[in-house]
C-alpha cells in the first residue's frame, strides 16, 4: 500500500470514529430533566438564584390570571390577589397571585413580608404562612439548602397602577384539607380553596 493510500485510510477511519463519538455523546446528553427526585418544581415566576429580581411588574390586563380565589387589602391601598393554591406531585402546595398597587403613588415593600427568619435573597414574600384550621397546623414557606425561600424574591417596589406576580411554596397539608388560611404580613388573612 502506498503512503498516499495509507493516509487516506487512516483519515477516513478518524472521521468515522469522530462521527460515532458525536452520536454517542449526543445520546448521553439526556435532554431530560436534571432535577433531583425530591426537588420541587419551580414556577416560571421564581428566580433560580438568590438575589435575583422578581418578575417585572406589569400594568397590562391581558396576561393576568382570570381565576381569583381571594382578594385582601393591605397597607396604603395595596391589594393581594390569590389566583391559585395547587398541590404539586412532590407533596408541595404552591400559592400564586399578584400584589396590586391601584393607588397613584409607588409603593415600597415592607420588610415584614419576608418574615422574622433570617433568609438570604433580600426582600421576598417568605413571611407568608398557611394555616390548616381543621388539622390545627401552621405551614411556613419552604427553603432550599442555602436558606433561600421557595418564593418570589426581589419585591421592593410596586409602581403605581402596576401588579407584581408572586408565588410561595409550602409543604402540602393532608389530602383531607380542602381549604387553608393564607397570611402575608400587613395583609388581611384570606381563606382559600386548594385544588388538586
N, C-alpha and C. Protein backbone atom coordinates (compact mmCIF):
# COMPACT_ATOMS: atom_id res chain seq x y z
N UNK A 1 0.85 -1.17 0.00
CA UNK A 1 0.00 0.00 0.00
C UNK A 1 0.89 1.22 0.00
N UNK A 2 0.57 2.17 -0.86
CA UNK A 2 1.40 3.38 -0.94
C UNK A 2 1.09 4.28 0.24
N UNK A 3 1.99 5.22 0.48
CA UNK A 3 1.84 6.17 1.59
C UNK A 3 0.56 7.00 1.43
N UNK A 4 0.20 7.38 0.20
CA UNK A 4 -0.99 8.20 -0.04
C UNK A 4 -2.25 7.42 0.33
N UNK A 5 -2.33 6.12 -0.02
CA UNK A 5 -3.50 5.30 0.33
C UNK A 5 -3.57 5.08 1.83
N UNK A 6 -2.42 4.91 2.49
CA UNK A 6 -2.38 4.71 3.94
C UNK A 6 -2.91 5.93 4.67
N UNK A 7 -2.54 7.16 4.24
CA UNK A 7 -3.01 8.40 4.86
C UNK A 7 -4.52 8.55 4.66
N UNK A 8 -5.01 8.23 3.45
CA UNK A 8 -6.45 8.33 3.20
C UNK A 8 -7.22 7.33 4.05
N UNK A 9 -6.72 6.13 4.22
CA UNK A 9 -7.40 5.12 5.02
C UNK A 9 -7.45 5.54 6.48
N UNK A 10 -6.33 6.03 7.01
CA UNK A 10 -6.30 6.47 8.43
C UNK A 10 -7.19 7.70 8.62
N UNK A 11 -7.18 8.64 7.67
CA UNK A 11 -8.03 9.84 7.77
C UNK A 11 -9.50 9.49 7.75
N UNK A 12 -9.87 8.54 6.89
CA UNK A 12 -11.27 8.11 6.82
C UNK A 12 -11.70 7.42 8.10
N UNK A 13 -10.81 6.63 8.68
CA UNK A 13 -11.12 5.96 9.94
C UNK A 13 -11.29 6.97 11.06
N UNK A 14 -10.45 8.01 11.07
CA UNK A 14 -10.55 9.04 12.11
C UNK A 14 -11.88 9.78 12.01
N UNK A 15 -12.32 10.07 10.79
CA UNK A 15 -13.60 10.75 10.60
C UNK A 15 -14.74 9.85 11.07
N UNK A 16 -14.67 8.56 10.76
CA UNK A 16 -15.71 7.62 11.17
C UNK A 16 -15.77 7.52 12.70
N UNK A 17 -14.61 7.45 13.36
CA UNK A 17 -14.57 7.37 14.83
C UNK A 17 -15.14 8.65 15.43
N UNK A 18 -14.79 9.81 14.87
CA UNK A 18 -15.31 11.08 15.38
C UNK A 18 -16.83 11.14 15.24
N UNK A 19 -17.35 10.66 14.11
CA UNK A 19 -18.80 10.67 13.90
C UNK A 19 -19.51 9.78 14.91
N UNK A 20 -18.94 8.60 15.19
CA UNK A 20 -19.53 7.70 16.18
C UNK A 20 -19.51 8.33 17.56
N UNK A 21 -18.38 8.98 17.93
CA UNK A 21 -18.29 9.64 19.24
C UNK A 21 -19.32 10.75 19.38
N UNK A 22 -19.53 11.53 18.32
CA UNK A 22 -20.52 12.60 18.37
C UNK A 22 -21.91 12.02 18.62
N UNK A 23 -22.25 10.94 17.92
CA UNK A 23 -23.55 10.32 18.11
C UNK A 23 -23.72 9.75 19.52
N UNK A 24 -22.68 9.10 20.03
CA UNK A 24 -22.75 8.52 21.37
C UNK A 24 -22.88 9.62 22.42
N UNK A 25 -22.08 10.66 22.31
CA UNK A 25 -22.12 11.74 23.30
C UNK A 25 -23.43 12.51 23.23
N UNK A 26 -23.98 12.71 22.04
CA UNK A 26 -25.26 13.42 21.96
C UNK A 26 -26.37 12.57 22.55
N UNK A 27 -26.25 11.27 22.46
CA UNK A 27 -27.23 10.38 23.09
C UNK A 27 -27.14 10.44 24.60
N UNK A 28 -25.96 10.71 25.14
CA UNK A 28 -25.78 10.79 26.59
C UNK A 28 -26.17 12.15 27.13
N UNK A 29 -26.40 13.10 26.26
CA UNK A 29 -26.74 14.46 26.71
C UNK A 29 -28.05 14.50 27.45
N UNK A 30 -28.90 13.54 27.24
CA UNK A 30 -30.13 13.43 28.02
C UNK A 30 -31.24 14.29 27.47
N UNK A 31 -31.12 15.59 27.61
CA UNK A 31 -32.21 16.46 27.23
C UNK A 31 -33.39 16.34 28.17
N UNK A 32 -33.25 15.48 29.19
CA UNK A 32 -34.33 15.28 30.15
C UNK A 32 -34.22 16.27 31.28
N UNK A 33 -34.96 16.00 32.31
CA UNK A 33 -35.00 16.89 33.47
C UNK A 33 -33.85 16.55 34.40
N UNK A 34 -33.01 17.52 34.71
CA UNK A 34 -31.85 17.29 35.58
C UNK A 34 -32.18 17.51 37.05
N UNK A 35 -33.45 17.60 37.42
CA UNK A 35 -33.81 17.86 38.80
C UNK A 35 -33.58 16.63 39.64
N UNK A 36 -33.32 16.86 40.90
CA UNK A 36 -33.21 15.76 41.85
C UNK A 36 -34.62 15.24 42.10
N UNK A 37 -34.78 13.96 42.47
CA UNK A 37 -36.12 13.39 42.61
C UNK A 37 -37.01 14.15 43.59
N UNK A 38 -36.47 14.65 44.68
CA UNK A 38 -37.30 15.31 45.69
C UNK A 38 -37.28 16.81 45.58
N UNK A 39 -36.67 17.34 44.53
CA UNK A 39 -36.62 18.80 44.38
C UNK A 39 -37.94 19.29 43.84
N UNK A 40 -38.56 20.31 44.48
CA UNK A 40 -39.85 20.80 44.00
C UNK A 40 -39.71 21.49 42.66
N UNK A 41 -40.79 21.43 41.91
CA UNK A 41 -40.80 22.15 40.65
C UNK A 41 -40.82 23.63 40.93
N UNK A 42 -40.09 24.37 40.11
CA UNK A 42 -40.04 25.82 40.28
C UNK A 42 -40.95 26.48 39.28
N UNK A 43 -41.68 27.40 39.76
CA UNK A 43 -42.54 28.19 38.90
C UNK A 43 -41.71 29.07 38.00
N UNK A 44 -42.28 29.41 36.83
CA UNK A 44 -41.55 30.31 35.94
C UNK A 44 -41.38 31.69 36.55
N UNK A 45 -42.15 31.97 37.56
CA UNK A 45 -42.02 33.26 38.23
C UNK A 45 -40.90 33.26 39.25
N UNK A 46 -40.35 32.09 39.53
CA UNK A 46 -39.33 32.00 40.58
C UNK A 46 -37.96 32.30 40.04
N UNK A 47 -37.21 33.15 40.70
CA UNK A 47 -35.83 33.34 40.31
C UNK A 47 -35.04 32.10 40.68
N UNK A 48 -34.08 31.72 39.86
CA UNK A 48 -33.34 30.50 40.11
C UNK A 48 -32.21 30.70 41.10
N UNK A 49 -31.74 31.88 41.27
CA UNK A 49 -30.65 32.14 42.21
C UNK A 49 -31.07 33.21 43.19
N UNK A 50 -30.51 33.17 44.39
CA UNK A 50 -30.81 34.18 45.39
C UNK A 50 -30.37 35.55 44.91
N UNK A 51 -31.09 36.56 45.31
CA UNK A 51 -30.74 37.92 44.94
C UNK A 51 -31.29 38.33 43.60
N UNK A 52 -31.86 37.39 42.86
CA UNK A 52 -32.42 37.76 41.57
C UNK A 52 -33.73 38.50 41.79
N UNK A 53 -34.10 39.29 40.84
CA UNK A 53 -35.29 40.11 40.98
C UNK A 53 -36.54 39.30 40.69
N UNK A 54 -37.63 39.78 41.20
CA UNK A 54 -38.93 39.21 40.89
C UNK A 54 -39.25 39.56 39.45
N UNK A 55 -40.23 38.89 38.87
CA UNK A 55 -40.61 39.22 37.51
C UNK A 55 -40.98 40.69 37.41
N UNK A 56 -40.76 41.24 36.24
CA UNK A 56 -41.03 42.66 36.03
C UNK A 56 -42.51 42.95 36.25
N UNK A 57 -42.82 44.03 36.96
CA UNK A 57 -44.22 44.38 37.16
C UNK A 57 -44.90 44.64 35.83
N UNK A 58 -46.18 44.29 35.78
CA UNK A 58 -46.91 44.54 34.54
C UNK A 58 -48.18 45.32 34.85
N UNK A 59 -48.44 46.30 34.04
CA UNK A 59 -49.65 47.09 34.22
C UNK A 59 -50.76 46.60 33.30
N UNK A 60 -50.42 45.74 32.34
CA UNK A 60 -51.40 45.25 31.37
C UNK A 60 -52.33 44.24 31.98
N UNK A 61 -53.53 44.13 31.44
CA UNK A 61 -54.52 43.21 31.96
C UNK A 61 -54.54 41.89 31.20
N UNK A 62 -53.93 41.82 30.03
CA UNK A 62 -54.07 40.65 29.18
C UNK A 62 -53.40 39.41 29.75
N UNK A 63 -52.28 39.54 30.49
CA UNK A 63 -51.57 38.38 30.97
C UNK A 63 -51.95 37.99 32.39
N UNK A 64 -52.87 38.72 33.01
CA UNK A 64 -53.26 38.42 34.38
C UNK A 64 -54.18 37.21 34.40
N UNK A 65 -54.01 36.34 35.42
CA UNK A 65 -54.89 35.17 35.54
C UNK A 65 -56.33 35.62 35.77
N UNK A 66 -57.26 34.81 35.28
CA UNK A 66 -58.66 35.18 35.42
C UNK A 66 -59.29 34.60 36.69
N UNK A 67 -58.79 33.48 37.20
CA UNK A 67 -59.34 32.89 38.41
C UNK A 67 -58.88 33.68 39.64
N UNK A 68 -59.80 33.98 40.53
CA UNK A 68 -59.47 34.69 41.77
C UNK A 68 -60.05 33.89 42.93
N UNK A 69 -59.17 33.39 43.80
CA UNK A 69 -59.61 32.66 44.99
C UNK A 69 -59.93 33.61 46.13
N UNK A 70 -59.16 34.69 46.22
CA UNK A 70 -59.37 35.66 47.31
C UNK A 70 -58.70 36.97 46.94
N UNK A 71 -59.25 38.06 47.47
CA UNK A 71 -58.66 39.39 47.34
C UNK A 71 -58.70 40.02 48.72
N UNK A 72 -57.52 40.45 49.22
CA UNK A 72 -57.46 41.07 50.55
C UNK A 72 -56.68 42.37 50.47
N UNK A 73 -57.02 43.28 51.35
CA UNK A 73 -56.38 44.59 51.36
C UNK A 73 -55.21 44.62 52.34
N UNK A 74 -54.23 45.44 51.99
CA UNK A 74 -53.07 45.65 52.83
C UNK A 74 -52.92 47.12 53.13
N UNK A 75 -51.73 47.50 53.55
CA UNK A 75 -51.47 48.88 53.91
C UNK A 75 -51.37 49.78 52.68
N UNK A 76 -51.71 51.05 52.86
CA UNK A 76 -51.56 52.08 51.84
C UNK A 76 -52.22 51.75 50.50
N UNK A 77 -53.34 51.04 50.53
CA UNK A 77 -54.08 50.77 49.30
C UNK A 77 -53.56 49.62 48.45
N UNK A 78 -52.63 48.83 48.96
CA UNK A 78 -52.10 47.69 48.22
C UNK A 78 -53.07 46.51 48.38
N UNK A 79 -53.26 45.74 47.32
CA UNK A 79 -54.18 44.61 47.33
C UNK A 79 -53.42 43.32 46.99
N UNK A 80 -53.76 42.25 47.69
CA UNK A 80 -53.20 40.93 47.42
C UNK A 80 -54.29 40.08 46.79
N UNK A 81 -54.03 39.58 45.58
CA UNK A 81 -54.98 38.73 44.88
C UNK A 81 -54.37 37.34 44.78
N UNK A 82 -55.11 36.34 45.24
CA UNK A 82 -54.63 34.95 45.15
C UNK A 82 -55.38 34.27 44.03
N UNK A 83 -54.61 33.74 43.06
CA UNK A 83 -55.20 33.13 41.87
C UNK A 83 -55.24 31.61 41.91
N UNK A 84 -54.32 30.98 42.65
CA UNK A 84 -54.36 29.52 42.72
C UNK A 84 -53.63 29.02 43.96
N UNK A 85 -54.05 27.86 44.41
CA UNK A 85 -53.39 27.13 45.51
C UNK A 85 -53.44 25.67 45.11
N UNK A 86 -52.38 25.21 44.46
CA UNK A 86 -52.40 23.89 43.84
C UNK A 86 -51.38 22.95 44.47
N UNK A 87 -51.81 21.72 44.67
CA UNK A 87 -50.90 20.68 45.16
C UNK A 87 -50.00 20.24 44.00
N UNK A 88 -48.72 20.05 44.29
CA UNK A 88 -47.77 19.54 43.31
C UNK A 88 -47.53 18.06 43.59
N UNK A 89 -47.06 17.34 42.60
CA UNK A 89 -46.84 15.90 42.73
C UNK A 89 -45.85 15.55 43.84
N UNK A 90 -44.91 16.42 44.15
CA UNK A 90 -43.88 16.12 45.14
C UNK A 90 -44.31 16.34 46.58
N UNK A 91 -45.58 16.62 46.84
CA UNK A 91 -46.04 16.84 48.21
C UNK A 91 -45.95 18.28 48.65
N UNK A 92 -46.03 19.20 47.70
CA UNK A 92 -45.94 20.62 47.99
C UNK A 92 -47.25 21.30 47.59
N UNK A 93 -47.45 22.48 48.15
CA UNK A 93 -48.60 23.31 47.78
C UNK A 93 -48.05 24.66 47.36
N UNK A 94 -48.37 25.09 46.15
CA UNK A 94 -47.88 26.36 45.63
C UNK A 94 -49.03 27.35 45.51
N UNK A 95 -48.84 28.51 46.13
CA UNK A 95 -49.82 29.58 46.07
C UNK A 95 -49.29 30.63 45.10
N UNK A 96 -50.10 31.00 44.12
CA UNK A 96 -49.75 32.02 43.13
C UNK A 96 -50.75 33.16 43.20
N UNK A 97 -50.24 34.35 42.94
CA UNK A 97 -51.13 35.51 42.92
C UNK A 97 -50.42 36.75 42.46
N UNK A 98 -50.98 37.89 42.84
CA UNK A 98 -50.44 39.19 42.43
C UNK A 98 -50.56 40.17 43.58
N UNK A 99 -49.60 41.05 43.66
CA UNK A 99 -49.67 42.18 44.58
C UNK A 99 -49.94 43.40 43.70
N UNK A 100 -51.07 44.06 43.92
CA UNK A 100 -51.50 45.14 43.04
C UNK A 100 -51.45 46.48 43.76
N UNK A 101 -51.02 47.48 43.01
CA UNK A 101 -51.00 48.85 43.52
C UNK A 101 -51.92 49.68 42.63
N UNK A 102 -53.13 49.92 43.11
CA UNK A 102 -54.09 50.70 42.32
C UNK A 102 -54.10 52.17 42.75
N UNK A 103 -53.12 52.56 43.57
CA UNK A 103 -53.04 53.95 44.01
C UNK A 103 -52.26 54.78 42.99
N UNK A 104 -52.16 56.08 43.25
CA UNK A 104 -51.41 56.96 42.34
C UNK A 104 -49.97 57.18 42.81
N UNK A 105 -49.52 56.41 43.82
CA UNK A 105 -48.15 56.53 44.32
C UNK A 105 -47.45 55.18 44.27
N UNK A 106 -46.14 55.19 44.00
CA UNK A 106 -45.36 53.96 44.07
C UNK A 106 -45.35 53.46 45.50
N UNK A 107 -45.32 52.14 45.67
CA UNK A 107 -45.32 51.54 47.00
C UNK A 107 -44.00 50.81 47.24
N UNK A 108 -43.34 51.13 48.33
CA UNK A 108 -42.11 50.44 48.71
C UNK A 108 -42.49 49.31 49.64
N UNK A 109 -42.11 48.08 49.27
CA UNK A 109 -42.45 46.89 50.04
C UNK A 109 -41.85 46.97 51.44
N UNK A 110 -42.54 46.38 52.38
CA UNK A 110 -42.07 46.41 53.76
C UNK A 110 -41.35 45.12 54.12
N UNK A 111 -40.41 45.22 55.02
CA UNK A 111 -39.66 44.03 55.40
C UNK A 111 -40.48 42.99 56.15
N UNK A 112 -41.62 43.30 56.78
CA UNK A 112 -42.39 42.21 57.39
C UNK A 112 -42.81 41.13 56.39
N UNK A 113 -42.90 41.46 55.10
CA UNK A 113 -43.27 40.45 54.12
C UNK A 113 -42.31 39.28 54.13
N UNK A 114 -41.05 39.53 54.44
CA UNK A 114 -40.09 38.43 54.40
C UNK A 114 -40.06 37.63 55.69
N UNK A 115 -40.78 38.04 56.71
CA UNK A 115 -40.89 37.28 57.95
C UNK A 115 -39.75 37.55 58.91
N UNK A 116 -39.79 36.84 60.04
CA UNK A 116 -38.81 37.03 61.11
C UNK A 116 -37.55 36.21 60.92
N UNK A 117 -37.62 35.16 60.11
CA UNK A 117 -36.45 34.31 59.94
C UNK A 117 -35.37 35.03 59.14
N UNK A 118 -34.13 34.67 59.42
CA UNK A 118 -33.03 35.20 58.62
C UNK A 118 -32.96 34.40 57.34
N UNK A 119 -33.18 35.06 56.21
CA UNK A 119 -33.12 34.39 54.92
C UNK A 119 -32.20 35.16 54.00
N UNK A 120 -31.67 34.47 53.03
CA UNK A 120 -30.85 35.15 52.03
C UNK A 120 -31.74 35.55 50.87
N UNK A 121 -31.31 36.51 50.11
CA UNK A 121 -32.06 36.90 48.92
C UNK A 121 -32.79 38.21 49.05
N UNK A 122 -32.68 38.90 50.19
CA UNK A 122 -33.29 40.22 50.31
C UNK A 122 -34.80 40.17 50.45
N UNK A 123 -35.46 41.20 49.93
CA UNK A 123 -36.91 41.31 50.06
C UNK A 123 -37.60 40.14 49.37
N UNK A 124 -38.64 39.63 50.01
CA UNK A 124 -39.36 38.48 49.48
C UNK A 124 -40.73 38.41 50.13
N UNK A 125 -41.47 37.36 49.81
CA UNK A 125 -42.73 37.08 50.48
C UNK A 125 -42.58 35.85 51.37
N UNK A 126 -41.38 35.66 51.92
CA UNK A 126 -41.07 34.49 52.75
C UNK A 126 -41.80 34.50 54.09
N UNK A 127 -42.41 35.61 54.47
CA UNK A 127 -43.15 35.67 55.71
C UNK A 127 -44.56 35.12 55.61
N UNK A 128 -44.94 34.64 54.44
CA UNK A 128 -46.29 34.08 54.24
C UNK A 128 -46.43 32.77 55.02
N UNK A 129 -47.64 32.51 55.47
CA UNK A 129 -47.93 31.25 56.17
C UNK A 129 -49.28 30.71 55.69
N UNK A 130 -49.44 29.42 55.87
CA UNK A 130 -50.72 28.75 55.65
C UNK A 130 -51.15 28.15 56.98
N UNK A 131 -52.43 28.19 57.27
CA UNK A 131 -52.95 27.56 58.48
C UNK A 131 -54.08 26.61 58.08
N UNK A 132 -53.91 25.34 58.45
CA UNK A 132 -54.95 24.34 58.30
C UNK A 132 -55.70 24.32 59.62
N UNK A 133 -56.83 25.03 59.67
CA UNK A 133 -57.57 25.14 60.94
C UNK A 133 -58.11 23.79 61.40
N UNK A 134 -58.59 22.97 60.48
CA UNK A 134 -59.12 21.66 60.86
C UNK A 134 -58.03 20.78 61.44
N UNK A 135 -56.85 20.81 60.83
CA UNK A 135 -55.73 20.00 61.30
C UNK A 135 -54.91 20.68 62.38
N UNK A 136 -55.24 21.93 62.69
CA UNK A 136 -54.55 22.73 63.72
C UNK A 136 -53.04 22.76 63.49
N UNK A 137 -52.67 23.15 62.26
CA UNK A 137 -51.25 23.18 61.91
C UNK A 137 -50.95 24.39 61.05
N UNK A 138 -49.79 25.01 61.32
CA UNK A 138 -49.32 26.16 60.53
C UNK A 138 -48.17 25.69 59.65
N UNK A 139 -48.16 26.17 58.40
CA UNK A 139 -47.11 25.82 57.44
C UNK A 139 -46.37 27.09 57.03
N UNK A 140 -45.04 26.98 56.95
CA UNK A 140 -44.19 28.10 56.56
C UNK A 140 -43.63 27.87 55.16
N UNK A 141 -43.22 28.94 54.50
CA UNK A 141 -42.63 28.85 53.16
C UNK A 141 -41.38 27.98 53.22
N UNK A 142 -41.27 27.08 52.26
CA UNK A 142 -40.11 26.18 52.21
C UNK A 142 -38.83 26.94 51.88
N UNK A 143 -37.70 26.40 52.29
CA UNK A 143 -36.37 26.97 52.00
C UNK A 143 -35.54 25.91 51.28
N UNK A 144 -34.62 26.36 50.43
CA UNK A 144 -33.69 25.42 49.82
C UNK A 144 -32.52 25.21 50.77
N UNK A 145 -31.55 24.41 50.37
CA UNK A 145 -30.43 24.08 51.26
C UNK A 145 -29.52 25.27 51.54
N UNK A 146 -29.64 26.34 50.76
CA UNK A 146 -28.85 27.54 51.00
C UNK A 146 -29.63 28.59 51.80
N UNK A 147 -30.82 28.25 52.26
CA UNK A 147 -31.61 29.17 53.07
C UNK A 147 -32.47 30.12 52.27
N UNK A 148 -32.51 29.98 50.94
CA UNK A 148 -33.35 30.85 50.11
C UNK A 148 -34.78 30.30 50.12
N UNK A 149 -35.73 31.21 50.20
CA UNK A 149 -37.13 30.76 50.22
C UNK A 149 -37.53 30.28 48.83
N UNK A 150 -38.47 29.35 48.82
CA UNK A 150 -39.06 28.92 47.56
C UNK A 150 -40.28 29.81 47.35
N UNK A 151 -39.96 31.06 47.02
CA UNK A 151 -40.98 32.08 46.86
C UNK A 151 -40.40 33.21 46.02
N UNK A 152 -41.24 34.16 45.69
CA UNK A 152 -40.80 35.32 44.93
C UNK A 152 -39.88 36.18 45.79
N UNK A 153 -38.75 36.56 45.23
CA UNK A 153 -37.81 37.44 45.92
C UNK A 153 -37.61 38.71 45.10
N UNK A 154 -36.98 39.70 45.71
CA UNK A 154 -36.68 40.93 45.00
C UNK A 154 -37.85 41.89 44.90
N UNK A 155 -38.89 41.66 45.69
CA UNK A 155 -40.05 42.55 45.65
C UNK A 155 -39.75 43.74 46.55
N UNK A 156 -39.32 44.82 45.97
CA UNK A 156 -39.00 46.00 46.77
C UNK A 156 -39.85 47.21 46.40
N UNK A 157 -40.43 47.20 45.20
CA UNK A 157 -41.21 48.34 44.75
C UNK A 157 -42.36 47.86 43.87
N UNK A 158 -43.54 48.38 44.14
CA UNK A 158 -44.70 48.13 43.28
C UNK A 158 -45.13 49.49 42.76
N UNK A 159 -44.91 49.72 41.49
CA UNK A 159 -45.21 51.04 40.91
C UNK A 159 -46.70 51.30 40.87
N UNK A 160 -47.04 52.57 40.82
CA UNK A 160 -48.44 52.98 40.76
C UNK A 160 -49.12 52.35 39.55
N UNK A 161 -50.27 51.73 39.78
CA UNK A 161 -51.04 51.11 38.70
C UNK A 161 -50.51 49.78 38.23
N UNK A 162 -49.47 49.26 38.86
CA UNK A 162 -48.85 48.00 38.41
C UNK A 162 -49.22 46.85 39.33
N UNK A 163 -48.94 45.65 38.86
CA UNK A 163 -49.09 44.46 39.69
C UNK A 163 -47.83 43.61 39.56
N UNK A 164 -47.46 42.96 40.65
CA UNK A 164 -46.27 42.10 40.68
C UNK A 164 -46.74 40.68 40.97
N UNK A 165 -46.46 39.73 40.08
CA UNK A 165 -46.84 38.34 40.37
C UNK A 165 -45.98 37.79 41.50
N UNK A 166 -46.56 36.89 42.29
CA UNK A 166 -45.80 36.24 43.36
C UNK A 166 -46.19 34.78 43.44
N UNK A 167 -45.30 34.00 44.05
CA UNK A 167 -45.63 32.62 44.39
C UNK A 167 -44.93 32.30 45.70
N UNK A 168 -45.47 31.32 46.41
CA UNK A 168 -44.86 30.82 47.64
C UNK A 168 -45.18 29.33 47.72
N UNK A 169 -44.16 28.54 48.05
CA UNK A 169 -44.36 27.09 48.09
C UNK A 169 -44.25 26.59 49.53
N UNK A 170 -45.20 25.75 49.92
CA UNK A 170 -45.32 25.22 51.27
C UNK A 170 -45.35 23.70 51.25
N UNK A 171 -45.10 23.06 52.41
CA UNK A 171 -45.41 21.63 52.49
C UNK A 171 -46.93 21.49 52.33
N UNK A 172 -47.37 20.46 51.64
CA UNK A 172 -48.81 20.30 51.40
C UNK A 172 -49.50 19.79 52.66
N UNK A 173 -50.62 20.40 53.01
CA UNK A 173 -51.42 19.84 54.10
C UNK A 173 -51.97 18.48 53.69
N UNK A 174 -52.50 17.71 54.62
CA UNK A 174 -53.07 16.40 54.27
C UNK A 174 -54.14 16.53 53.20
N UNK A 175 -54.37 15.46 52.46
CA UNK A 175 -55.36 15.47 51.37
C UNK A 175 -56.76 15.81 51.88
N UNK A 176 -57.03 15.56 53.14
CA UNK A 176 -58.35 15.87 53.70
C UNK A 176 -58.58 17.37 53.83
N UNK A 177 -57.51 18.15 53.83
CA UNK A 177 -57.64 19.61 53.93
C UNK A 177 -58.01 20.17 52.56
N UNK A 178 -59.17 20.81 52.48
CA UNK A 178 -59.61 21.37 51.21
C UNK A 178 -59.48 22.87 51.16
N UNK A 179 -59.29 23.50 52.32
CA UNK A 179 -59.05 24.94 52.35
C UNK A 179 -58.12 25.30 53.50
N UNK A 180 -57.41 26.41 53.31
CA UNK A 180 -56.45 26.90 54.30
C UNK A 180 -56.56 28.42 54.39
N UNK A 181 -56.03 28.96 55.46
CA UNK A 181 -55.94 30.41 55.60
C UNK A 181 -54.54 30.85 55.18
N UNK A 182 -54.46 31.77 54.23
CA UNK A 182 -53.19 32.30 53.74
C UNK A 182 -52.97 33.67 54.38
N UNK A 183 -51.78 33.87 54.95
CA UNK A 183 -51.45 35.16 55.57
C UNK A 183 -50.11 35.65 55.05
N UNK A 184 -50.06 36.94 54.77
CA UNK A 184 -48.81 37.63 54.46
C UNK A 184 -48.84 38.90 55.31
N UNK A 185 -47.79 39.14 56.11
CA UNK A 185 -47.81 40.30 56.99
C UNK A 185 -48.21 41.59 56.27
N UNK A 186 -48.99 42.40 56.95
CA UNK A 186 -49.58 43.68 56.53
C UNK A 186 -50.85 43.50 55.69
N UNK A 187 -51.23 42.26 55.35
CA UNK A 187 -52.47 42.00 54.63
C UNK A 187 -53.44 41.24 55.53
N UNK A 188 -54.72 41.36 55.25
CA UNK A 188 -55.72 40.58 55.96
C UNK A 188 -55.54 39.10 55.59
N UNK A 189 -56.02 38.21 56.43
CA UNK A 189 -55.94 36.76 56.17
C UNK A 189 -57.02 36.38 55.17
N UNK A 190 -56.65 35.48 54.24
CA UNK A 190 -57.59 35.04 53.21
C UNK A 190 -57.80 33.54 53.32
N UNK A 191 -59.04 33.10 53.29
CA UNK A 191 -59.36 31.68 53.26
C UNK A 191 -59.43 31.27 51.79
N UNK A 192 -58.61 30.27 51.42
CA UNK A 192 -58.53 29.86 50.01
C UNK A 192 -58.77 28.35 49.87
N UNK A 193 -59.36 27.97 48.75
CA UNK A 193 -59.59 26.55 48.45
C UNK A 193 -58.37 25.97 47.75
N UNK A 194 -58.04 24.73 48.10
CA UNK A 194 -56.90 24.03 47.49
C UNK A 194 -57.41 23.20 46.32
N UNK A 195 -56.68 23.27 45.21
CA UNK A 195 -57.02 22.42 44.06
C UNK A 195 -56.00 21.30 43.95
N UNK A 196 -56.43 20.17 43.47
CA UNK A 196 -55.51 19.04 43.25
C UNK A 196 -55.34 18.14 44.41
